[in-house]
Amino acid sequence: MSEHVMPLPVAADHPAFAGHFPGQPILPGVVLLDAALHALAAQQGMPGPLQLKSVKFLSPVQPGETLALHSAASPAGGFRFEIRCKDHHGLERSVASGSAVFSARPAA
């Protein structure tokens, strides 16, 4: 099973930082997951909607930190993913992990 790594760009001035939380901004989990799911779908050629099976948020993301999405196919189908972050000092940490599967498209 091979791992794919791709950048997960989120602009330091993303509007979500302004309201979450004023004075100590962190990236909302929904924004982080939305970026990850779009990247996974694009990597796989958009085979269908993605359904999250599990997610763990491990560490907050602050403006300007560099994110990377690590993903691999899981033996049961679908994907395992981990979002890693490099801070302003170049130190890497895991910020979220989980699993997702592609849902079948409804028949037309």
C-alpha atoms as a PDB file:
ATOM      1  CA  MET A   1       0.000   0.000   0.000  1.00  0.00           C
ATOM      2  CA  SER A   2       1.652   3.218  -1.101  1.00  0.00           C
ATOM      3  CA  GLU A   3       1.236   6.551   0.604  1.00  0.00           C
ATOM      4  CA  HIS A   4       0.411   9.691  -1.331  1.00  0.00           C
ATOM      5  CA  VAL A   5       1.470  13.084   0.003  1.00  0.00           C
ATOM      6  CA  MET A   6       0.088  16.347  -1.307  1.00  0.00           C
ATOM      7  CA  PRO A   7       0.142  19.928  -0.097  1.00  0.00           C
ATOM      8  CA  LEU A   8      -3.032  21.138   1.549  1.00  0.00           C
ATOM      9  CA  PRO A   9      -2.942  24.905   1.090  1.00  0.00           C
ATOM     10  CA  VAL A  10      -4.985  27.094   3.432  1.00  0.00           C
ATOM     11  CA  ALA A  11      -4.244  30.803   3.142  1.00  0.00           C
ATOM     12  CA  ALA A  12      -3.027  32.532   6.301  1.00  0.00           C
ATOM     13  CA  ASP A  13      -5.712  35.158   5.695  1.00  0.00           C
ATOM     14  CA  HIS A  14      -8.548  32.629   5.246  1.00  0.00           C
ATOM     15  CA  PRO A  15     -11.728  34.303   6.569  1.00  0.00           C
ATOM     16  CA  ALA A  16     -12.396  31.428   8.993  1.00  0.00           C
ATOM     17  CA  PHE A  17      -9.391  32.452  11.109  1.00  0.00           C
ATOM     18  CA  ALA A  18     -10.932  35.866  11.880  1.00  0.00           C
ATOM     19  CA  GLY A  19     -13.909  34.491  13.777  1.00  0.00           C
ATOM     20  CA  HIS A  20     -12.378  31.358  15.273  1.00  0.00           C
ATOM     21  CA  PHE A  21     -11.121  32.686  17.795  1.00  0.00           C
ATOM     22  CA  PRO A  22     -10.421  36.426  17.807  1.00  0.00           C
ATOM     23  CA  GLY A  23      -6.999  37.095  19.307  1.00  0.00           C
ATOM     24  CA  GLN A  24      -5.940  33.423  19.114  1.00  0.00           C
ATOM     25  CA  PRO A  25      -6.996  32.226  15.646  1.00  0.00           C
ATOM     26  CA  ILE A  26      -7.132  28.518  14.805  1.00  0.00           C
ATOM     27  CA  LEU A  27      -8.453  26.799  11.698  1.00  0.00           C
ATOM     28  CA  PRO A  28     -11.921  25.311  12.231  1.00  0.00           C
ATOM     29  CA  GLY A  29     -12.014  21.545  11.801  1.00  0.00           C
ATOM     30  CA  VAL A  30     -14.720  21.778   9.142  1.00  0.00           C
ATOM     31  CA  VAL A  31     -12.427  23.924   6.944  1.00  0.00           C
ATOM     32  CA  LEU A  32      -9.547  21.470   7.447  1.00  0.00           C
ATOM     33  CA  LEU A  33     -11.727  18.471   6.540  1.00  0.00           C
ATOM     34  CA  ASP A  34     -13.277  20.213   3.552  1.00  0.00           C
ATOM     35  CA  ALA A  35      -9.823  20.897   2.098  1.00  0.00           C
ATOM     36  CA  ALA A  36      -8.715  17.297   2.769  1.00  0.00           C
ATOM     37  CA  LEU A  37     -11.808  15.696   1.234  1.00  0.00           C
ATOM     38  CA  HIS A  38     -11.592  17.868  -1.877  1.00  0.00           C
ATOM     39  CA  ALA A  39      -7.914  16.936  -2.266  1.00  0.00           C
ATOM     40  CA  LEU A  40      -8.661  13.203  -1.866  1.00  0.00           C
ATOM     41  CA  ALA A  41     -11.490  13.373  -4.405  1.00  0.00           C
ATOM     42  CA  ALA A  42      -9.310  15.264  -6.901  1.00  0.00           C
ATOM     43  CA  GLN A  43      -6.458  12.792  -6.431  1.00  0.00           C
ATOM     44  CA  GLN A  44      -8.822   9.904  -7.228  1.00  0.00           C
ATOM     45  CA  GLY A  45     -10.419  11.610 -10.234  1.00  0.00           C
ATOM     46  CA  MET A  46     -13.663  12.450  -8.400  1.00  0.00           C
ATOM     47  CA  PRO A  47     -15.085   8.865  -8.389  1.00  0.00           C
ATOM     48  CA  GLY A  48     -18.009   9.898  -6.175  1.00  0.00           C
ATOM     49  CA  PRO A  49     -18.965  11.553  -2.926  1.00  0.00           C
ATOM     50  CA  LEU A  50     -16.726  10.851   0.053  1.00  0.00           C
ATOM     51  CA  GLN A  51     -18.117   9.700   3.366  1.00  0.00           C
ATOM     52  CA  LEU A  52     -16.124  10.172   6.550  1.00  0.00           C
ATOM     53  CA  LYS A  53     -15.897   7.030   8.667  1.00  0.00           C
ATOM     54  CA  SER A  54     -13.779   8.450  11.480  1.00  0.00           C
ATOM     55  CA  VAL A  55     -11.910  11.646  12.303  1.00  0.00           C
ATOM     56  CA  LYS A  56      -9.652  12.681  15.167  1.00  0.00           C
ATOM     57  CA  PHE A  57      -8.490  16.247  15.665  1.00  0.00           C
ATOM     58  CA  LEU A  58      -5.109  16.128  17.372  1.00  0.00           C
ATOM     59  CA  SER A  59      -3.674  19.636  17.331  1.00  0.00           C
ATOM     60  CA  PRO A  60      -4.876  23.130  16.326  1.00  0.00           C
ATOM     61  CA  VAL A  61      -3.684  24.807  13.116  1.00  0.00           C
ATOM     62  CA  GLN A  62      -2.656  28.462  13.302  1.00  0.00           C
ATOM     63  CA  PRO A  63      -2.436  30.940  10.400  1.00  0.00           C
ATOM     64  CA  GLY A  64       0.663  30.500   8.252  1.00  0.00           C
ATOM     65  CA  GLU A  65       1.373  26.883   9.167  1.00  0.00           C
ATOM     66  CA  THR A  66       2.069  24.558   6.229  1.00  0.00           C
ATOM     67  CA  LEU A  67      -0.226  21.560   5.835  1.00  0.00           C
ATOM     68  CA  ALA A  68       0.272  18.284   3.972  1.00  0.00           C
ATOM     69  CA  LEU A  69      -2.233  15.492   3.384  1.00  0.00           C
ATOM     70  CA  HIS A  70      -0.874  11.942   3.659  1.00  0.00           C
ATOM     71  CA  SER A  71      -3.226   9.244   2.370  1.00  0.00           C
ATOM     72  CA  ALA A  72      -3.203   5.554   1.561  1.00  0.00           C
ATOM     73  CA  ALA A  73      -5.815   3.050   0.442  1.00  0.00           C
ATOM     74  CA  SER A  74      -7.091   0.966   3.322  1.00  0.00           C
ATOM     75  CA  PRO A  75      -7.387  -2.842   3.093  1.00  0.00           C
ATOM     76  CA  ALA A  76     -11.157  -2.628   3.701  1.00  0.00           C
ATOM     77  CA  GLY A  77     -11.635  -0.117   0.869  1.00  0.00           C
ATOM     78  CA  GLY A  78     -11.565   3.624   1.114  1.00  0.00           C
ATOM     79  CA  PHE A  79      -8.681   5.654   2.478  1.00  0.00           C
ATOM     80  CA  ARG A  80      -6.825   6.382   5.676  1.00  0.00           C
ATOM     81  CA  PHE A  81      -5.534   9.921   5.919  1.00  0.00           C
ATOM     82  CA  GLU A  82      -3.384  12.047   8.150  1.00  0.00           C
ATOM     83  CA  ILE A  83      -2.980  15.812   7.962  1.00  0.00           C
ATOM     84  CA  ARG A  84       0.420  16.992   9.112  1.00  0.00           C
ATOM     85  CA  CYS A  85       1.554  20.505   9.849  1.00  0.00           C
ATOM     86  CA  LYS A  86       4.892  22.299   9.832  1.00  0.00           C
ATOM     87  CA  ASP A  87       4.968  25.237  12.178  1.00  0.00           C
ATOM     88  CA  HIS A  88       6.970  28.459  11.866  1.00  0.00           C
ATOM     89  CA  HIS A  89      10.038  26.680  13.283  1.00  0.00           C
ATOM     90  CA  GLY A  90       9.859  23.772  10.804  1.00  0.00           C
ATOM     91  CA  LEU A  91       8.663  21.274  13.401  1.00  0.00           C
ATOM     92  CA  GLU A  92       6.143  18.721  12.104  1.00  0.00           C
ATOM     93  CA  ARG A  93       3.139  17.372  13.983  1.00  0.00           C
ATOM     94  CA  SER A  94      -0.053  15.500  13.193  1.00  0.00           C
ATOM     95  CA  VAL A  95      -3.150  17.702  13.348  1.00  0.00           C
ATOM     96  CA  ALA A  96      -5.879  15.294  12.219  1.00  0.00           C
ATOM     97  CA  SER A  97      -6.364  11.730  11.045  1.00  0.00           C
ATOM     98  CA  GLY A  98      -9.191   9.528   9.930  1.00  0.00           C
ATOM     99  CA  SER A  99     -10.729   7.340   7.281  1.00  0.00           C
ATOM    100  CA  ALA A 100     -13.105   7.912   4.389  1.00  0.00           C
ATOM    101  CA  VAL A 101     -14.814   5.860   1.686  1.00  0.00           C
ATOM    102  CA  PHE A 102     -16.316   6.802  -1.650  1.00  0.00           C
ATOM    103  CA  SER A 103     -20.090   6.469  -1.582  1.00  0.00           C
ATOM    104  CA  ALA A 104     -21.923   4.897  -4.485  1.00  0.00           C
ATOM    105  CA  ARG A 105     -23.654   7.408  -6.717  1.00  0.00           C
ATOM    106  CA  PRO A 106     -27.417   6.952  -6.849  1.00  0.00           C
ATOM    107  CA  ALA A 107     -28.724   5.432 -10.074  1.00  0.00           C
ATOM    108  CA  ALA A 108     -30.185   7.990 -12.485  1.00  0.00           C
END
